[in-house]
Structure formats: C-alpha cells, structure tokens
Amino acid sequence: MTIGRRTSTVPIRLRLASVAGLAVLGGGLAAVVVSRGGTARAASISQLSSQLNQERGRQAGLSASIGRLSGLISSLDSQVALVQSREAAVRSELITDRAALAKDQLMLTRERRLVTKLIAQLARARTILAKQLVSSYESDGPDVVSVVLDSHGFSDLLDQLNFLNRAEQEQKSTIVATKLAKAEADSAERRLAKLEAAALQVTEAATMRERALAGMNSLLQAKQVALGRAREAQQSALAASRARGAQLQSAIARLQAQQAAERAAAAAAAAAAAAAAPASNSAGGSATPVATGLALGPSGGWAIPYAIVLCESGGQNLSPNSAGASGYYQILPSTWKLFGGTGPAAYLASKAEQDAVASRIWNGGAGASNWVCAGIVGIH
C-alpha cells in the first residue's frame, strides 16, 4: 500500500509539476509574443516619433519663414502707403501745374494775338511814314512867305498855318507810335518765349513724375503679389505639416495604448505564472520557484524579477516616455543619475550598465517600491 501509495503519489506530483511548468511556459511564451510585438511597436513608435520631430522642425522653419515674409509684407505695406501719399501730393501738384499751364496757354494765345495786332499796326505806321516821306521828298514843302502871299485874308492864313502844324504833329505822332509798337512787339515776343519755355518745363516735369510714380506703383504691386503668393504657399505647407503631425501623434498614441495593454496582459500572465509556481511547490514540495526572485527572460538575465520587466518595458530598451522614464527598467533620469548611471538617460547606456543600476535600486528587494509594476504583479 505504501508502495502503491508511493507509486500513485509520484504521478500526482509529476502532474502538478507539469501543470505548473505549463503555466510558467505559457506565461513565458505570452511574454515572448508580447515582447516581439512590443519590439515591432517600439520600432514603429520610434520611427513615427522621428517623423513627428522632422515635421515639427519643418513647422518651425515654415513658421519662421512666414514670420519673415509677414515682416517684409508689413514693411512693403508701409512703403506702399508712403508712395501713395507722395502720389497724392504729386497729383495735387499736377493739378496746380496743369491749371498754371492752362493759364499760361491762355496768356500765350493773348500775347500771340497782341503780337499779330502790333505787327499789323507797325506795318500800317511804316506805310504811312513811308508815304509821307516820299510825298515830302517829291514835293516842295510850303514856306511861311508862300502861305502868306497865297492866303485870302487873315482867317485863311490861320487855317493854313494850323493845317501845317497838324501835319507836322501827325507825322511826329506816327513815328512815335511806330517806335512804341515796335518796342511792345519786341517785349511781347520775349514774354512769349519765356511762357513757352515755362510751359515746356512744367509739361516735362509733370510727365516725368507721372512715369516715376507709375513705375514705383507697378514695382510695389508686383512685390506685394509675389510675397503674398509665397506666404500663402508656405501657410498651406504649414497647415499640411500640422495635419501630418496630428496624424503621427494619433498613430503614436494608438501604438502606445496597444503597448500598454500588452504590457498589462504580460504582467497578468506573469502574475498568474508566479501564483501557479507556489501552488505547485506546495503540492509537490520539490519544484523550484520561478517568478519570485531574479529571473531569466528572452533577452537574458535581469537585475529584477522578469515579471516587473515585462510590465515596465516588455523587455525592450524603450525611449523616454511622457514622464521621462526609459530603458529596459524604465528608470527616471534623476534616479538614473542618483544611482550612478552615466549619460543623461538610461536607454542610452548598455544593458550591462542598466542591469547594474537597476540592481542597486532593487537592493535585494528593498527597493521594489521604486517600480509601480512590482505591486501590479504582486511582488513587494
């Protein structure tokens, strides 16, 4: 019976040990699967993070470029306003100049008419003077004796003397009028020449100002259009980059959520395996503990229980999370430095160094509370 009991007891222990081993093996396989999936997702997250950083850098460059273009457009707007104010002032001057030009042209027309009239008067005066000179030359002028002898009485004598006096005065007046008309004609011609020169200068100056303003306006408008199009293109590129960045952030968030879910599942599997091992030990009395101490995982030896490693990082050397923890053991930068880690973050160091720092933090189990996942998997 004893032998029988012994022979019946051994298979029971073997079966219990097999069940415990299968549970641990199942947990390990689940951890391996999760670890491989975590590796792929970690790589994907790393790639997406790199692309997101590139997009952010591009956004920063585009924002700076848009700022510079906005500054140039603002400066150009002030220049346009200045040119427009000058244009308004020049147009006002042009109105005044054109009014003066019209007045000068009216005066010019009057002076031309006056010159024509004076020339006609001068011609008539010269004709009269020439006739008088010819008449005086061809006929002997009457003297006083002849007039007295030929007169019929005193009254007739007075009339003839008055006639001679008037004829002499008229001849003198004609000569004086001719001289004055000639002087006035010369003065009018000089004034006419000055008016023509002034009118020409006003017209040329107005034309030059109009052309200069037209050229400046055309150039400024072309610059405005070019800068506006460049800014619109860069604003569109910035909007597209921001949309791409939002998509990348969403993709990273989804992958991180999946990774966290897989870590939780791995932690639960490890906890189940850890719970199954003591049960098998109590049943058989000879099985070796699996998850209560330091364990070997798919990536080799670990400084802390593998169940905690699975929960924390899935056995991967992860880049910093939102809190800044990184590496196989998800160590914060301040803790990493406090326990002698080199470099700014854990994930940048070798696994051996991370193992050494994690071992110092673990301190034979006294530092288990430094890992949140220790409580999750039931290791205190």
Protein backbone atom coordinates (compact mmCIF):
# COMPACT_ATOMS: atom_id res chain seq x y z
CA MET A 1 0.00 0.00 0.00
CA THR A 2 2.82 2.10 0.95
CA ILE A 3 4.48 1.27 -2.28
CA GLY A 4 1.22 1.65 -4.02
CA ARG A 5 0.62 4.92 -2.38
CA ARG A 6 4.12 5.95 -3.33
CA THR A 7 3.62 4.85 -6.89
CA SER A 8 0.35 6.70 -7.01
CA THR A 9 1.78 9.79 -5.32
CA VAL A 10 4.66 10.28 -7.75
CA PRO A 11 2.47 10.66 -10.82
CA ILE A 12 0.32 13.18 -8.94
CA ARG A 13 3.40 15.24 -8.13
CA LEU A 14 4.59 14.95 -11.68
CA ARG A 15 1.23 16.05 -12.97
CA LEU A 16 1.18 19.04 -10.61
CA ALA A 17 4.70 19.98 -11.60
CA SER A 18 3.77 19.59 -15.25
CA VAL A 19 0.75 21.83 -14.80
CA ALA A 20 2.87 24.46 -13.06
CA GLY A 21 5.55 24.15 -15.73
CA LEU A 22 2.98 24.53 -18.49
CA ALA A 23 1.57 27.61 -16.77
CA VAL A 24 5.02 29.16 -16.48
CA LEU A 25 5.84 28.11 -20.05
CA GLY A 26 2.58 29.63 -21.26
CA GLY A 27 3.36 32.86 -19.43
CA GLY A 28 6.85 32.87 -20.96
CA LEU A 29 5.51 32.28 -24.45
CA ALA A 30 2.97 35.05 -23.97
CA ALA A 31 5.78 37.29 -22.77
CA VAL A 32 7.87 36.37 -25.82
CA VAL A 33 4.95 37.12 -28.14
CA VAL A 34 4.24 40.38 -26.34
CA SER A 35 7.95 41.17 -26.35
CA ARG A 36 8.23 40.65 -30.09
CA GLY A 37 5.08 42.66 -30.70
CA GLY A 38 6.42 45.31 -28.34
CA THR A 39 9.68 45.40 -30.26
CA ALA A 40 7.87 46.00 -33.55
CA ARG A 41 5.65 48.62 -31.99
CA ALA A 42 8.59 50.24 -30.23
CA ALA A 43 10.34 50.45 -33.58
CA SER A 44 7.18 51.85 -35.13
CA ILE A 45 6.83 54.39 -32.32
CA SER A 46 10.49 55.34 -32.74
CA GLN A 47 10.03 55.83 -36.49
CA LEU A 48 6.82 57.79 -36.00
CA SER A 49 8.49 59.92 -33.32
CA SER A 50 11.36 60.62 -35.69
CA GLN A 51 8.91 61.61 -38.43
CA LEU A 52 7.00 63.75 -35.93
CA ASN A 53 10.22 65.51 -34.91
CA GLN A 54 11.00 66.13 -38.58
CA GLU A 55 7.53 67.58 -39.11
CA ARG A 56 7.93 69.79 -36.05
CA GLY A 57 11.27 71.01 -37.32
CA ARG A 58 9.71 71.72 -40.67
CA GLN A 59 6.85 73.54 -38.97
CA ALA A 60 9.32 75.67 -37.02
CA GLY A 61 11.16 76.54 -40.22
CA LEU A 62 7.93 77.36 -42.04
CA SER A 63 6.69 79.47 -39.14
CA ALA A 64 9.96 81.41 -39.10
CA SER A 65 9.82 81.88 -42.87
CA ILE A 66 6.18 83.02 -42.70
CA GLY A 67 7.16 85.47 -39.96
CA ARG A 68 9.92 86.89 -42.15
CA LEU A 69 7.55 87.18 -45.12
CA SER A 70 4.94 88.86 -42.94
CA GLY A 71 7.60 91.34 -41.81
CA LEU A 72 8.57 92.03 -45.41
CA ILE A 73 4.92 92.45 -46.41
CA SER A 74 4.37 94.80 -43.47
CA SER A 75 7.42 96.83 -44.47
CA LEU A 76 6.20 96.82 -48.06
CA ASP A 77 2.77 98.00 -46.93
CA SER A 78 4.39 101.00 -45.24
CA GLN A 79 6.35 101.71 -48.41
CA VAL A 80 3.18 101.46 -50.48
CA ALA A 81 1.43 103.85 -48.11
CA LEU A 82 4.34 106.28 -48.40
CA VAL A 83 4.35 106.08 -52.20
CA GLN A 84 0.60 106.52 -52.30
CA SER A 85 0.83 109.62 -50.10
CA ARG A 86 3.53 111.00 -52.38
CA GLU A 87 1.43 110.11 -55.37
CA ALA A 88 -1.50 112.05 -53.90
CA ALA A 89 0.77 115.05 -53.27
CA VAL A 90 2.20 114.88 -56.80
CA ARG A 91 -1.26 114.59 -58.26
CA SER A 92 -2.27 117.70 -56.34
CA GLU A 93 0.82 119.44 -57.68
CA LEU A 94 -0.02 118.21 -61.16
CA ILE A 95 -3.49 119.69 -60.88
CA THR A 96 -1.94 123.01 -59.85
CA ASP A 97 0.68 122.80 -62.60
CA ARG A 98 -1.91 121.97 -65.22
CA ALA A 99 -4.05 124.88 -64.08
CA ALA A 100 -0.99 127.14 -64.34
CA LEU A 101 -0.20 125.63 -67.72
CA ALA A 102 -3.73 126.32 -68.93
CA LYS A 103 -3.43 129.90 -67.69
CA ASP A 104 -0.07 130.27 -69.43
CA GLN A 105 -1.54 128.86 -72.62
CA LEU A 106 -4.39 131.38 -72.43
CA MET A 107 -1.92 134.19 -71.89
CA LEU A 108 0.17 132.80 -74.68
CA THR A 109 -2.82 132.91 -77.01
CA ARG A 110 -3.50 136.53 -75.98
CA GLU A 111 0.10 137.53 -76.48
CA ARG A 112 0.14 135.95 -79.90
CA ARG A 113 -2.95 137.90 -80.86
CA LEU A 114 -1.36 141.07 -79.49
CA VAL A 115 1.83 140.42 -81.44
CA THR A 116 -0.21 139.92 -84.59
CA LYS A 117 -2.07 143.18 -83.94
CA LEU A 118 1.12 145.10 -83.17
CA ILE A 119 2.79 143.75 -86.26
CA ALA A 120 -0.19 144.99 -88.31
CA GLN A 121 -0.06 148.40 -86.61
CA LEU A 122 3.66 148.62 -87.18
CA ALA A 123 3.16 147.78 -90.82
CA ARG A 124 0.50 150.49 -91.20
CA ALA A 125 2.62 153.07 -89.37
CA ARG A 126 5.59 152.26 -91.56
CA THR A 127 3.42 152.55 -94.67
CA ILE A 128 2.08 155.95 -93.61
CA LEU A 129 5.53 157.17 -92.70
CA ALA A 130 6.93 155.98 -95.98
CA LYS A 131 4.19 157.74 -97.91
CA GLN A 132 4.76 160.97 -96.01
CA LEU A 133 8.46 160.83 -96.57
CA VAL A 134 8.01 160.18 -100.28
CA SER A 135 5.46 162.98 -100.53
CA SER A 136 7.74 165.41 -98.71
CA TYR A 137 10.64 164.43 -100.87
CA GLU A 138 8.78 164.70 -104.17
CA SER A 139 7.00 168.00 -103.44
CA ASP A 140 8.45 171.18 -102.08
CA GLY A 141 7.15 171.94 -98.67
CA PRO A 142 5.26 175.27 -98.32
CA ASP A 143 7.11 178.06 -96.55
CA VAL A 144 5.65 180.89 -94.48
CA VAL A 145 6.06 183.54 -97.21
CA SER A 146 4.22 181.45 -99.77
CA VAL A 147 1.45 180.74 -97.32
CA VAL A 148 1.07 184.47 -96.52
CA LEU A 149 1.08 185.51 -100.17
CA ASP A 150 -1.34 182.79 -101.22
CA SER A 151 -3.76 183.25 -98.34
CA HIS A 152 -7.01 185.13 -98.82
CA GLY A 153 -7.30 187.13 -95.70
CA PHE A 154 -6.29 186.58 -92.14
CA SER A 155 -8.71 183.78 -91.45
CA ASP A 156 -7.44 181.77 -94.41
CA LEU A 157 -3.89 182.37 -93.22
CA LEU A 158 -4.67 180.95 -89.78
CA ASP A 159 -6.29 177.87 -91.29
CA GLN A 160 -3.28 177.15 -93.48
CA LEU A 161 -0.85 177.60 -90.57
CA ASN A 162 -2.93 175.25 -88.37
CA PHE A 163 -3.02 172.69 -91.17
CA LEU A 164 0.77 172.76 -91.49
CA ASN A 165 1.16 172.40 -87.73
CA ARG A 166 -1.27 169.45 -87.56
CA ALA A 167 0.51 167.74 -90.46
CA GLU A 168 3.84 168.05 -88.69
CA GLN A 169 2.37 166.79 -85.38
CA GLU A 170 0.72 163.84 -87.09
CA GLN A 171 3.98 162.87 -88.72
CA LYS A 172 5.74 163.01 -85.33
CA SER A 173 2.96 161.03 -83.66
CA THR A 174 3.16 158.36 -86.34
CA ILE A 175 6.87 157.99 -85.80
CA VAL A 176 6.44 157.78 -82.02
CA ALA A 177 3.58 155.28 -82.34
CA THR A 178 5.67 153.19 -84.68
CA LYS A 179 8.54 153.11 -82.22
CA LEU A 180 6.26 152.22 -79.30
CA ALA A 181 4.54 149.49 -81.29
CA LYS A 182 7.91 148.07 -82.24
CA ALA A 183 9.09 148.08 -78.61
CA GLU A 184 5.86 146.48 -77.42
CA ALA A 185 6.11 143.85 -80.13
CA ASP A 186 9.67 143.03 -79.09
CA SER A 187 8.66 142.82 -75.39
CA ALA A 188 5.68 140.63 -76.24
CA GLU A 189 7.89 138.30 -78.23
CA ARG A 190 10.30 137.97 -75.28
CA ARG A 191 7.45 137.25 -72.86
CA LEU A 192 6.06 134.75 -75.34
CA ALA A 193 9.39 132.93 -75.46
CA LYS A 194 9.57 132.77 -71.64
CA LEU A 195 6.00 131.49 -71.41
CA GLU A 196 6.71 128.80 -73.97
CA ALA A 197 9.83 127.68 -72.07
CA ALA A 198 7.97 127.64 -68.74
CA ALA A 199 5.07 125.69 -70.24
CA LEU A 200 7.51 123.17 -71.71
CA GLN A 201 9.29 122.70 -68.36
CA VAL A 202 6.02 122.22 -66.47
CA THR A 203 4.83 119.66 -69.01
CA GLU A 204 8.11 117.71 -68.97
CA ALA A 205 8.28 117.71 -65.16
CA ALA A 206 4.71 116.51 -64.87
CA THR A 207 5.34 113.74 -67.39
CA MET A 208 8.48 112.58 -65.56
CA ARG A 209 6.69 112.49 -62.21
CA GLU A 210 3.79 110.56 -63.67
CA ARG A 211 6.13 107.97 -65.20
CA ALA A 212 8.14 107.62 -61.98
CA LEU A 213 5.02 107.10 -59.89
CA ALA A 214 3.62 104.59 -62.36
CA GLY A 215 6.88 102.62 -62.26
CA MET A 216 7.04 102.65 -58.46
CA ASN A 217 3.43 101.55 -58.12
CA SER A 218 3.92 98.76 -60.63
CA LEU A 219 7.05 97.50 -58.85
CA LEU A 220 5.46 97.60 -55.39
CA GLN A 221 2.33 95.83 -56.60
CA ALA A 222 4.45 93.11 -58.20
CA LYS A 223 6.37 92.65 -54.95
CA GLN A 224 3.14 92.51 -52.98
CA VAL A 225 1.71 89.83 -55.24
CA ALA A 226 4.92 87.74 -55.16
CA LEU A 227 5.29 87.93 -51.37
CA GLY A 228 1.60 87.21 -50.86
CA ARG A 229 1.79 84.10 -53.03
CA ALA A 230 4.93 82.90 -51.25
CA ARG A 231 3.31 83.38 -47.86
CA GLU A 232 0.13 81.58 -48.96
CA ALA A 233 2.21 78.65 -50.26
CA GLN A 234 4.14 78.38 -47.01
CA GLN A 235 0.95 78.72 -44.95
CA SER A 236 -0.54 75.84 -46.93
CA ALA A 237 2.62 73.79 -46.37
CA LEU A 238 2.50 74.61 -42.65
CA ALA A 239 -1.16 73.55 -42.43
CA ALA A 240 -0.34 70.28 -44.23
CA SER A 241 2.61 69.67 -41.92
CA ARG A 242 0.47 70.31 -38.85
CA ALA A 243 -2.16 67.91 -40.14
CA ARG A 244 0.55 65.29 -40.74
CA GLY A 245 1.91 65.92 -37.23
CA ALA A 246 -1.57 65.42 -35.74
CA GLN A 247 -1.89 62.14 -37.65
CA LEU A 248 1.51 60.99 -36.38
CA GLN A 249 0.61 61.90 -32.81
CA SER A 250 -2.63 59.94 -33.12
CA ALA A 251 -0.76 56.93 -34.52
CA ILE A 252 1.81 57.11 -31.70
CA ALA A 253 -0.97 57.36 -29.11
CA ARG A 254 -2.69 54.30 -30.57
CA LEU A 255 0.53 52.28 -30.56
CA GLN A 256 1.34 53.36 -27.01
CA ALA A 257 -2.16 52.34 -25.90
CA GLN A 258 -1.72 48.93 -27.55
CA GLN A 259 1.70 48.59 -25.98
CA ALA A 260 0.34 49.45 -22.54
CA ALA A 261 -2.47 46.91 -22.99
CA GLU A 262 0.04 44.24 -24.00
CA ARG A 263 2.25 45.08 -21.03
CA ALA A 264 -0.73 44.76 -18.71
CA ALA A 265 -1.60 41.40 -20.30
CA ALA A 266 2.01 40.25 -19.95
CA ALA A 267 2.06 41.39 -16.33
CA ALA A 268 -1.17 39.50 -15.67
CA ALA A 269 0.26 36.36 -17.31
CA ALA A 270 3.46 36.70 -15.26
CA ALA A 271 1.42 37.16 -12.08
CA ALA A 272 -0.61 34.04 -12.93
CA ALA A 273 2.60 32.11 -13.52
CA ALA A 274 4.04 33.38 -10.25
CA ALA A 275 0.86 32.35 -8.45
CA ALA A 276 0.91 28.88 -10.09
CA ALA A 277 4.51 28.20 -9.07
CA PRO A 278 3.96 28.36 -5.28
CA ALA A 279 0.87 26.19 -5.71
CA SER A 280 2.92 23.54 -7.47
CA ASN A 281 5.63 23.80 -4.82
CA SER A 282 3.15 23.33 -2.04
CA ALA A 283 1.66 20.36 -3.86
CA GLY A 284 4.93 18.65 -4.76
CA GLY A 285 7.39 20.18 -2.36
CA SER A 286 10.33 19.93 -4.77
CA ALA A 287 9.62 22.45 -7.61
CA THR A 288 11.94 25.47 -7.96
CA PRO A 289 10.41 29.00 -7.63
CA VAL A 290 10.14 30.71 -10.97
CA ALA A 291 8.97 34.33 -10.68
CA THR A 292 9.57 35.24 -7.08
CA GLY A 293 13.25 36.05 -7.49
CA LEU A 294 15.54 37.32 -10.19
CA ALA A 295 14.63 35.62 -13.47
CA LEU A 296 15.93 34.93 -16.93
CA GLY A 297 13.86 36.33 -19.79
CA PRO A 298 14.08 36.16 -23.59
CA SER A 299 16.80 38.83 -23.58
CA GLY A 300 18.97 37.21 -20.89
CA GLY A 301 19.46 37.82 -17.17
CA TRP A 302 17.65 40.63 -15.38
CA ALA A 303 18.52 42.54 -12.25
CA ILE A 304 14.89 42.48 -11.03
CA PRO A 305 12.10 39.91 -11.43
CA TYR A 306 11.25 39.39 -15.08
CA ALA A 307 7.55 39.89 -14.42
CA ILE A 308 8.29 43.50 -13.43
CA VAL A 309 10.45 43.94 -16.53
CA LEU A 310 7.63 42.66 -18.74
CA CYS A 311 5.16 45.04 -17.12
CA GLU A 312 7.50 48.02 -17.32
CA SER A 313 9.10 47.72 -20.78
CA GLY A 314 8.17 44.38 -22.31
CA GLY A 315 11.87 43.59 -22.18
CA GLN A 316 12.73 46.38 -24.63
CA ASN A 317 15.16 49.28 -24.41
CA LEU A 318 12.48 51.96 -24.81
CA SER A 319 13.00 55.65 -25.45
CA PRO A 320 11.74 58.15 -22.81
CA ASN A 321 8.00 58.18 -22.18
CA SER A 322 5.94 61.23 -21.21
CA ALA A 323 7.35 61.10 -17.67
CA GLY A 324 10.94 60.73 -18.92
CA ALA A 325 11.49 57.10 -17.83
CA SER A 326 13.44 54.98 -20.33
CA GLY A 327 15.42 51.81 -20.92
CA TYR A 328 14.74 48.17 -20.02
CA TYR A 329 13.80 49.08 -16.46
CA GLN A 330 12.03 52.42 -17.17
CA ILE A 331 14.32 54.44 -14.91
CA LEU A 332 13.77 58.19 -14.48
CA PRO A 333 16.77 60.45 -15.34
CA SER A 334 17.02 61.71 -11.73
CA THR A 335 17.02 58.14 -10.34
CA TRP A 336 19.48 57.02 -13.01
CA LYS A 337 21.93 59.75 -12.00
CA LEU A 338 21.33 59.20 -8.28
CA PHE A 339 22.34 55.50 -8.50
CA GLY A 340 25.46 56.11 -10.56
CA GLY A 341 24.24 55.85 -14.15
CA THR A 342 26.35 57.57 -16.82
CA GLY A 343 24.88 59.75 -19.53
CA PRO A 344 21.65 61.75 -19.48
CA ALA A 345 19.22 58.79 -19.70
CA ALA A 346 19.09 55.04 -19.13
CA TYR A 347 18.19 53.98 -22.68
CA LEU A 348 21.43 55.50 -23.98
CA ALA A 349 23.55 53.15 -21.82
CA SER A 350 24.38 49.49 -22.38
CA LYS A 351 22.21 46.74 -20.93
CA ALA A 352 25.00 45.74 -18.55
CA GLU A 353 25.12 49.21 -17.06
CA GLN A 354 21.31 49.33 -16.85
CA ASP A 355 21.40 45.96 -15.07
CA ALA A 356 23.96 47.29 -12.59
CA VAL A 357 21.98 50.46 -11.82
CA ALA A 358 18.70 48.52 -11.56
CA SER A 359 20.38 46.06 -9.16
CA ARG A 360 21.45 48.92 -6.91
CA ILE A 361 17.93 50.34 -7.00
CA TRP A 362 16.40 46.90 -6.34
CA ASN A 363 18.71 46.39 -3.32
CA GLY A 364 17.77 42.80 -2.77
CA GLY A 365 14.09 43.59 -2.98
CA ALA A 366 14.12 46.52 -0.55
CA GLY A 367 13.71 48.92 -3.45
CA ALA A 368 10.83 47.08 -5.15
CA SER A 369 8.52 50.01 -4.45
CA ASN A 370 10.50 52.06 -6.98
CA TRP A 371 8.65 50.15 -9.69
CA VAL A 372 4.87 50.56 -9.91
CA CYS A 373 4.60 47.27 -11.76
CA ALA A 374 6.01 45.44 -8.71
CA GLY A 375 2.73 45.98 -6.93
CA ILE A 376 0.77 45.12 -10.08
CA VAL A 377 2.41 41.68 -10.43
CA GLY A 378 2.21 41.02 -6.70
CA ILE A 379 5.91 41.45 -5.79
CA HIS A 380 6.53 43.67 -2.79
